[in-house]
N, C-alpha and C. Protein backbone atom coordinates (compact mmCIF):
# COMPACT_ATOMS: atom_id res chain seq x y z
N MET A 1 0.84 -1.16 -0.20
CA MET A 1 0.01 0.27 0.34
C MET A 1 0.95 1.37 0.06
N THR A 2 1.61 1.69 0.96
CA THR A 2 2.57 2.04 1.22
C THR A 2 3.65 2.36 0.02
N ASP A 3 3.93 1.41 -0.81
CA ASP A 3 4.93 0.84 -1.72
C ASP A 3 4.23 1.68 -3.24
N ARG A 4 2.73 1.45 -2.92
CA ARG A 4 2.14 2.05 -4.50
C ARG A 4 2.15 3.55 -4.40
N HIS A 5 1.91 3.96 -3.01
CA HIS A 5 1.59 5.65 -3.06
C HIS A 5 2.99 5.87 -3.19
N ASP A 6 3.79 5.63 -2.67
CA ASP A 6 5.55 5.56 -3.03
C ASP A 6 5.80 6.02 -4.22
N GLN A 7 5.59 5.14 -5.24
CA GLN A 7 5.66 5.17 -6.40
C GLN A 7 5.32 6.28 -6.87
N LEU A 8 3.61 6.73 -6.63
CA LEU A 8 3.07 7.44 -7.45
C LEU A 8 3.52 8.91 -6.77
N ALA A 9 4.00 9.20 -5.70
CA ALA A 9 4.56 10.47 -5.54
C ALA A 9 5.80 10.45 -6.14
N ALA A 10 6.51 9.39 -6.31
CA ALA A 10 8.03 9.43 -6.89
C ALA A 10 7.53 10.23 -8.82
N GLU A 11 6.52 9.19 -9.22
CA GLU A 11 6.05 9.85 -10.49
C GLU A 11 5.80 11.14 -10.52
N VAL A 12 5.10 12.02 -9.96
CA VAL A 12 4.77 13.05 -10.02
C VAL A 12 6.12 14.20 -9.72
N ARG A 13 6.91 13.70 -8.75
CA ARG A 13 8.09 14.58 -8.38
C ARG A 13 9.14 14.32 -9.83
N VAL A 14 9.26 12.94 -10.71
CA VAL A 14 9.75 13.37 -11.87
C VAL A 14 9.53 14.06 -12.81
N LEU A 15 7.98 13.97 -12.82
CA LEU A 15 7.33 14.81 -13.62
C LEU A 15 7.58 16.41 -13.57
N ARG A 16 7.57 16.74 -12.66
CA ARG A 16 7.82 17.72 -11.83
C ARG A 16 9.11 18.72 -12.09
N ASP A 17 10.15 17.75 -11.97
CA ASP A 17 11.49 18.15 -12.24
C ASP A 17 11.61 18.21 -13.70
N ARG A 18 11.20 17.66 -14.41
CA ARG A 18 11.95 17.06 -15.48
C ARG A 18 11.11 18.50 -16.60
N VAL A 19 10.66 18.88 -16.10
CA VAL A 19 9.99 20.33 -16.93
C VAL A 19 9.96 21.32 -16.68
N VAL A 20 10.74 22.12 -17.16
CA VAL A 20 11.13 23.73 -16.92
C VAL A 20 9.71 24.23 -16.83
N GLY A 21 9.67 24.81 -15.79
CA GLY A 21 8.24 25.77 -15.40
C GLY A 21 7.50 25.12 -14.89
N VAL A 22 7.53 23.93 -14.69
CA VAL A 22 6.05 23.27 -13.78
C VAL A 22 6.45 23.81 -12.69
N THR A 23 5.31 24.20 -11.87
CA THR A 23 5.53 24.40 -10.32
C THR A 23 4.62 23.60 -9.49
N ASP A 24 3.61 23.22 -10.22
CA ASP A 24 2.90 22.01 -9.01
C ASP A 24 1.88 20.80 -9.84
N VAL A 25 1.89 19.54 -9.58
CA VAL A 25 1.38 18.60 -10.11
C VAL A 25 0.56 17.64 -9.34
N VAL A 26 -0.88 17.36 -9.66
CA VAL A 26 -1.37 16.78 -8.91
C VAL A 26 -2.06 15.34 -9.73
N VAL A 27 -2.56 14.29 -9.03
CA VAL A 27 -2.81 12.91 -9.79
C VAL A 27 -3.93 13.09 -8.76
N ALA A 28 -5.18 12.69 -9.74
CA ALA A 28 -6.62 13.20 -9.16
C ALA A 28 -7.19 12.36 -9.70
N SER A 29 -8.70 11.77 -9.16
CA SER A 29 -9.72 10.80 -9.92
C SER A 29 -10.59 12.01 -10.53
N VAL A 30 -11.47 11.46 -11.24
CA VAL A 30 -12.06 12.17 -12.37
C VAL A 30 -13.11 13.09 -11.52
N ASP A 31 -13.48 12.25 -10.46
CA ASP A 31 -14.18 13.45 -9.55
C ASP A 31 -13.39 15.20 -8.97
N GLY A 32 -12.16 14.76 -9.18
CA GLY A 32 -11.59 15.65 -8.05
C GLY A 32 -11.00 15.88 -6.97
N LEU A 33 -10.57 14.13 -6.76
CA LEU A 33 -10.24 13.86 -5.19
C LEU A 33 -8.54 13.62 -5.15
N VAL A 34 -7.65 14.00 -4.73
CA VAL A 34 -6.63 14.14 -4.56
C VAL A 34 -6.02 12.47 -4.75
N ILE A 35 -5.11 12.08 -5.32
CA ILE A 35 -4.51 10.83 -5.27
C ILE A 35 -3.29 10.93 -5.00
N THR A 36 -2.13 11.57 -4.96
CA THR A 36 -1.05 11.91 -4.54
C THR A 36 -1.18 13.22 -5.57
N SER A 37 0.46 14.46 -5.00
CA SER A 37 1.07 15.67 -5.25
C SER A 37 2.13 16.19 -5.13
N GLU A 38 2.38 17.09 -5.90
CA GLU A 38 3.67 17.64 -5.42
C GLU A 38 3.20 19.27 -5.82
N THR A 39 2.66 20.14 -4.97
CA THR A 39 2.15 21.31 -4.48
C THR A 39 2.68 22.17 -3.53
N ASP A 40 2.53 23.57 -4.27
CA ASP A 40 3.34 24.58 -3.12
C ASP A 40 1.74 24.87 -2.32
N GLU A 41 2.04 26.20 -1.67
CA GLU A 41 0.85 26.79 -0.60
C GLU A 41 -0.05 26.99 -1.61
N THR A 42 0.37 28.09 -2.54
CA THR A 42 -0.09 28.73 -3.44
C THR A 42 -1.68 27.83 -3.77
N ALA A 43 -1.16 27.28 -4.52
CA ALA A 43 -2.32 26.15 -5.60
C ALA A 43 -3.06 25.45 -4.41
N GLY A 44 -2.24 24.71 -3.43
CA GLY A 44 -3.11 23.37 -2.69
C GLY A 44 -3.36 22.50 -3.27
N ALA A 45 -2.75 21.06 -2.82
CA ALA A 45 -3.55 20.01 -3.51
C ALA A 45 -4.94 19.77 -4.22
N GLU A 46 -5.53 20.33 -3.24
CA GLU A 46 -7.29 19.90 -3.22
C GLU A 46 -7.96 21.27 -4.10
N GLY A 47 -7.20 22.11 -4.20
CA GLY A 47 -7.82 23.49 -4.83
C GLY A 47 -7.17 22.49 -6.64
N LEU A 48 -6.20 22.15 -6.91
CA LEU A 48 -5.79 21.81 -8.03
C LEU A 48 -6.20 20.63 -8.70
N ALA A 49 -6.83 19.82 -7.70
CA ALA A 49 -7.39 18.48 -8.29
C ALA A 49 -8.98 19.12 -8.59
N ALA A 50 -9.39 19.56 -7.72
CA ALA A 50 -10.77 20.25 -8.41
C ALA A 50 -11.31 21.07 -9.64
N LEU A 51 -9.79 21.62 -10.18
CA LEU A 51 -9.71 22.83 -10.60
C LEU A 51 -9.48 21.86 -12.46
N THR A 52 -8.43 20.82 -12.19
CA THR A 52 -8.39 19.93 -13.33
C THR A 52 -9.41 18.89 -13.39
N ALA A 53 -10.08 18.35 -12.58
CA ALA A 53 -11.59 17.54 -12.62
C ALA A 53 -12.95 18.41 -13.80
N ALA A 54 -12.49 19.51 -13.04
CA ALA A 54 -13.78 20.81 -13.62
C ALA A 54 -13.31 21.08 -14.88
N SER A 55 -12.09 22.00 -15.35
CA SER A 55 -11.66 21.93 -16.42
C SER A 55 -11.55 20.50 -17.75
N PHE A 56 -11.38 19.64 -17.24
CA PHE A 56 -11.29 18.63 -18.13
C PHE A 56 -12.70 17.69 -18.56
N SER A 57 -13.60 18.20 -17.56
CA SER A 57 -15.05 18.02 -17.39
C SER A 57 -15.65 18.44 -18.68
N ILE A 58 -15.94 19.60 -18.62
CA ILE A 58 -16.21 20.73 -19.30
C ILE A 58 -15.56 20.39 -20.66
N ALA A 59 -14.46 20.47 -21.04
CA ALA A 59 -13.72 20.15 -22.83
C ALA A 59 -14.33 18.89 -22.70
N ARG A 60 -14.37 18.06 -22.21
CA ARG A 60 -14.82 16.19 -22.41
C ARG A 60 -16.39 16.51 -22.95
N ARG A 61 -17.05 17.29 -22.17
CA ARG A 61 -18.22 17.64 -22.67
C ARG A 61 -18.96 18.32 -24.05
N ALA A 62 -17.93 19.53 -24.25
CA ALA A 62 -17.44 19.42 -25.39
C ALA A 62 -17.12 19.13 -26.84
N GLY A 63 -15.89 18.26 -26.10
CA GLY A 63 -15.85 16.47 -27.28
C GLY A 63 -17.06 15.96 -27.34
N SER A 64 -17.58 15.94 -26.59
CA SER A 64 -18.86 14.72 -26.61
C SER A 64 -20.21 15.26 -27.48
N MET A 65 -20.16 17.20 -27.33
CA MET A 65 -21.49 17.43 -27.93
C MET A 65 -20.59 17.98 -29.92
N SER A 66 -19.28 17.89 -29.75
CA SER A 66 -18.86 18.06 -31.16
C SER A 66 -18.78 17.22 -31.94
N SER A 67 -18.85 15.44 -31.24
CA SER A 67 -18.67 14.70 -31.64
C SER A 67 -16.92 14.06 -32.21
N LYS A 68 -15.96 15.06 -31.88
CA LYS A 68 -14.87 15.13 -31.54
C LYS A 68 -13.74 13.94 -31.04
N GLY A 69 -14.37 13.07 -30.63
CA GLY A 69 -13.53 11.83 -29.97
C GLY A 69 -13.29 12.17 -28.59
N ARG A 70 -12.58 11.30 -27.91
CA ARG A 70 -12.06 10.80 -27.02
C ARG A 70 -10.97 12.20 -26.60
N LEU A 71 -11.25 12.62 -25.66
CA LEU A 71 -10.63 13.68 -25.08
C LEU A 71 -9.07 13.23 -24.03
N HIS A 72 -8.04 13.61 -24.53
CA HIS A 72 -6.79 13.23 -24.21
C HIS A 72 -6.08 14.15 -23.21
N HIS A 73 -6.15 16.01 -23.59
CA HIS A 73 -5.50 16.51 -22.64
C HIS A 73 -5.91 17.81 -23.11
N THR A 74 -6.00 18.77 -21.46
CA THR A 74 -6.72 20.17 -22.22
C THR A 74 -5.47 21.03 -22.02
N VAL A 75 -5.42 22.31 -22.27
CA VAL A 75 -4.33 23.57 -22.14
C VAL A 75 -5.11 24.58 -21.80
N SER A 76 -5.13 24.89 -20.96
CA SER A 76 -5.18 26.65 -20.80
C SER A 76 -4.19 27.30 -20.28
N GLN A 77 -3.98 28.18 -21.15
CA GLN A 77 -3.30 29.49 -21.13
C GLN A 77 -3.65 30.68 -20.68
N PHE A 78 -2.41 31.00 -19.76
CA PHE A 78 -3.24 32.51 -18.81
C PHE A 78 -2.30 33.21 -19.07
N THR A 79 -2.13 34.53 -18.77
CA THR A 79 -1.29 36.12 -18.41
C THR A 79 0.24 35.61 -17.92
N ASP A 80 -0.01 34.68 -17.10
CA ASP A 80 1.17 34.11 -16.04
C ASP A 80 1.33 32.89 -15.87
N GLY A 81 0.78 32.14 -17.09
CA GLY A 81 1.16 30.48 -16.79
C GLY A 81 0.13 29.58 -17.44
N TYR A 82 0.16 28.46 -17.14
CA TYR A 82 -0.83 27.40 -17.48
C TYR A 82 -1.46 26.61 -16.74
N LEU A 83 -2.49 25.85 -17.11
CA LEU A 83 -3.34 24.30 -16.37
C LEU A 83 -3.54 23.79 -17.06
N VAL A 84 -2.50 22.72 -17.16
CA VAL A 84 -3.04 21.64 -18.61
C VAL A 84 -3.14 20.22 -17.68
N ALA A 85 -4.89 19.67 -17.89
CA ALA A 85 -4.97 18.69 -17.61
C ALA A 85 -4.72 17.21 -18.36
N ARG A 86 -4.64 15.92 -18.09
CA ARG A 86 -4.38 15.10 -19.20
C ARG A 86 -4.91 13.78 -18.51
N ALA A 87 -5.30 12.89 -18.89
CA ALA A 87 -6.42 11.46 -18.98
C ALA A 87 -5.21 10.53 -18.36
N VAL A 88 -5.36 10.10 -17.39
CA VAL A 88 -4.98 8.99 -17.03
C VAL A 88 -5.84 7.49 -17.15
N GLY A 89 -5.73 6.94 -18.14
CA GLY A 89 -7.04 6.18 -18.89
C GLY A 89 -8.24 6.64 -18.73
N ASP A 90 -9.23 5.49 -17.74
CA ASP A 90 -10.56 6.43 -17.76
C ASP A 90 -11.06 6.97 -15.70
N MET A 91 -9.49 6.35 -15.21
CA MET A 91 -10.07 6.85 -13.72
C MET A 91 -9.88 7.78 -12.97
N ALA A 92 -8.60 8.99 -13.47
CA ALA A 92 -7.66 9.80 -13.19
C ALA A 92 -7.26 10.48 -14.39
N LEU A 93 -6.77 11.12 -14.04
CA LEU A 93 -6.10 13.01 -14.31
C LEU A 93 -5.03 13.32 -14.06
N ILE A 94 -4.40 13.56 -14.51
CA ILE A 94 -2.79 14.59 -14.09
C ILE A 94 -3.10 15.60 -14.09
N GLY A 95 -3.13 17.06 -12.96
CA GLY A 95 -3.33 18.49 -13.49
C GLY A 95 -1.94 19.19 -13.11
N VAL A 96 -1.12 19.95 -14.11
CA VAL A 96 0.05 20.29 -13.98
C VAL A 96 -0.50 22.19 -14.11
N LEU A 97 0.15 23.23 -13.12
CA LEU A 97 0.26 24.31 -12.68
C LEU A 97 1.64 24.49 -13.18
N GLY A 98 2.00 25.37 -14.30
CA GLY A 98 3.11 25.92 -14.45
C GLY A 98 3.35 27.54 -15.14
N ASP A 99 4.65 28.23 -14.99
CA ASP A 99 4.86 29.45 -14.62
C ASP A 99 4.75 29.81 -16.54
N ALA A 100 4.73 31.20 -17.12
CA ALA A 100 4.65 31.66 -17.87
C ALA A 100 5.92 31.33 -18.84
N GLY A 101 7.21 30.80 -18.75
CA GLY A 101 8.11 30.22 -19.09
C GLY A 101 7.81 28.21 -19.49
N MET A 102 6.97 27.86 -19.07
CA MET A 102 6.77 26.44 -18.76
C MET A 102 6.80 25.76 -20.41
N ASP A 103 8.01 25.01 -20.58
CA ASP A 103 8.08 24.30 -21.83
C ASP A 103 6.74 23.13 -22.32
N VAL A 104 5.77 24.07 -23.09
CA VAL A 104 4.27 23.35 -22.62
C VAL A 104 4.49 21.98 -24.32
N GLN A 105 5.50 21.86 -25.07
CA GLN A 105 5.65 20.53 -25.39
C GLN A 105 6.05 19.45 -24.79
N ARG A 106 7.48 19.77 -24.21
CA ARG A 106 7.73 18.91 -23.68
C ARG A 106 7.29 18.45 -22.21
N LEU A 107 6.53 19.08 -21.77
CA LEU A 107 5.28 18.50 -20.75
C LEU A 107 4.60 17.66 -21.62
N GLN A 108 3.64 17.96 -22.68
CA GLN A 108 2.70 17.11 -23.12
C GLN A 108 3.44 15.34 -23.40
N ALA A 109 4.98 15.17 -24.15
CA ALA A 109 5.89 14.19 -24.20
C ALA A 109 5.97 13.43 -22.98
N GLU A 110 6.39 14.12 -22.05
CA GLU A 110 6.56 13.70 -20.06
C GLU A 110 5.37 13.50 -19.50
N ALA A 111 4.38 14.18 -19.78
CA ALA A 111 2.86 13.81 -19.09
C ALA A 111 2.03 12.79 -19.97
N GLN A 112 2.71 12.55 -21.02
CA GLN A 112 2.33 11.11 -21.69
C GLN A 112 3.02 9.67 -21.08
N GLU A 113 3.82 10.11 -21.16
CA GLU A 113 4.77 8.96 -20.44
C GLU A 113 4.55 8.66 -18.80
N SER A 114 4.07 9.86 -18.24
CA SER A 114 3.90 9.23 -16.72
C SER A 114 2.15 8.95 -16.95
N ALA A 115 1.51 9.39 -17.82
CA ALA A 115 0.21 8.85 -17.37
C ALA A 115 -0.06 7.89 -17.79
N GLU A 116 0.84 6.90 -18.45
CA GLU A 116 1.15 5.53 -18.95
C GLU A 116 1.59 4.96 -17.30
N ARG A 117 2.46 5.11 -17.01
CA ARG A 117 3.03 4.79 -15.82
C ARG A 117 2.08 4.85 -14.51
N ILE A 118 1.62 6.27 -14.53
CA ILE A 118 0.68 6.05 -13.10
C ILE A 118 -0.73 5.05 -13.73
N SER A 119 -1.45 5.19 -14.89
CA SER A 119 -2.01 4.07 -15.39
C SER A 119 -2.13 2.93 -14.25
N VAL A 120 -0.44 2.48 -14.61
CA VAL A 120 -0.66 1.17 -14.63
C VAL A 120 -0.38 0.87 -12.93
N LEU A 121 0.16 2.28 -12.46
CA LEU A 121 -0.03 1.54 -10.95
C LEU A 121 -1.17 1.47 -10.46
N LEU A 122 -2.15 2.50 -10.85
CA LEU A 122 -3.46 2.74 -10.60
C LEU A 122 -4.25 1.47 -10.48
N THR A 123 -4.22 1.39 -11.74
CA THR A 123 -5.11 -0.15 -12.08
C THR A 123 -4.41 -1.60 -11.41
N ALA A 124 -3.12 -1.19 -11.17
CA ALA A 124 -2.47 -2.58 -10.48
C ALA A 124 -2.91 -2.48 -8.75
N ALA A 125 -2.96 -1.19 -8.51
CA ALA A 125 -3.87 -1.19 -6.80
C ALA A 125 -5.47 -1.23 -6.99
N SER A 126 -6.02 -1.00 -8.18
CA SER A 126 -7.56 -1.11 -8.27
C SER A 126 -7.50 -3.06 -8.40
N GLY A 127 -6.82 -3.34 -8.59
CA GLY A 127 -7.24 -4.78 -8.78
C GLY A 127 -6.69 -5.65 -7.50
N GLN A 128 -6.19 -4.96 -6.87
CA GLN A 128 -5.81 -5.49 -5.31
C GLN A 128 -6.82 -5.14 -4.42
N GLY A 129 -7.59 -4.16 -4.50
CA GLY A 129 -8.69 -3.55 -4.22
C GLY A 129 -7.64 -3.40 -3.06
N GLU A 130 -7.07 -2.40 -3.17
CA GLU A 130 -6.39 -1.53 -2.20
C GLU A 130 -7.02 0.05 -1.86
N ALA A 131 -7.88 0.59 -0.76
CA ALA A 131 -8.66 1.33 -0.48
C ALA A 131 -7.60 3.19 -0.30
N ASP A 132 -6.51 3.24 -0.54
CA ASP A 132 -6.23 4.01 -0.50
C ASP A 132 -6.21 4.80 -1.69
N HIS A 133 -6.70 4.50 -2.81
CA HIS A 133 -6.77 5.42 -3.87
C HIS A 133 -8.52 5.16 -4.43
N PRO A 134 -8.94 6.55 -4.95
CA PRO A 134 -10.16 6.80 -5.12
C PRO A 134 -10.50 5.56 -6.46
N GLN A 135 -11.57 5.67 -6.41
CA GLN A 135 -12.19 4.36 -7.72
C GLN A 135 -13.26 4.39 -8.24
N GLN A 136 -13.66 4.51 -9.50
CA GLN A 136 -14.21 5.25 -10.60
C GLN A 136 -15.33 3.73 -10.65
């Protein structure tokens, strides 16, 4: 149980460290509950998880209404930075906050790889019936 949580936390730290400009990362259930995070005091894990789920849900609905297929990720660009939400299978999301200098292209590549590894960890946890990860 702790080992899986440690692996998830390590994956989040790796993503944060590999991409210039990333300030906060959260892995959340699709309904916005924190699974693991690496955030500072400004964003807060719970707030970032909720924002990630909300932005992803709205974009997914837009894709559904316009028949554009399955949503992979969203990128919201602001004056001073970004909020990126990426699907982790059907059960979770990765939310990333970054400053204005964040390397978005690098983030997309790194986040896709992280999402695949996180999905394996969450699927294994679900299969073993671990209670420390929200299930959908």
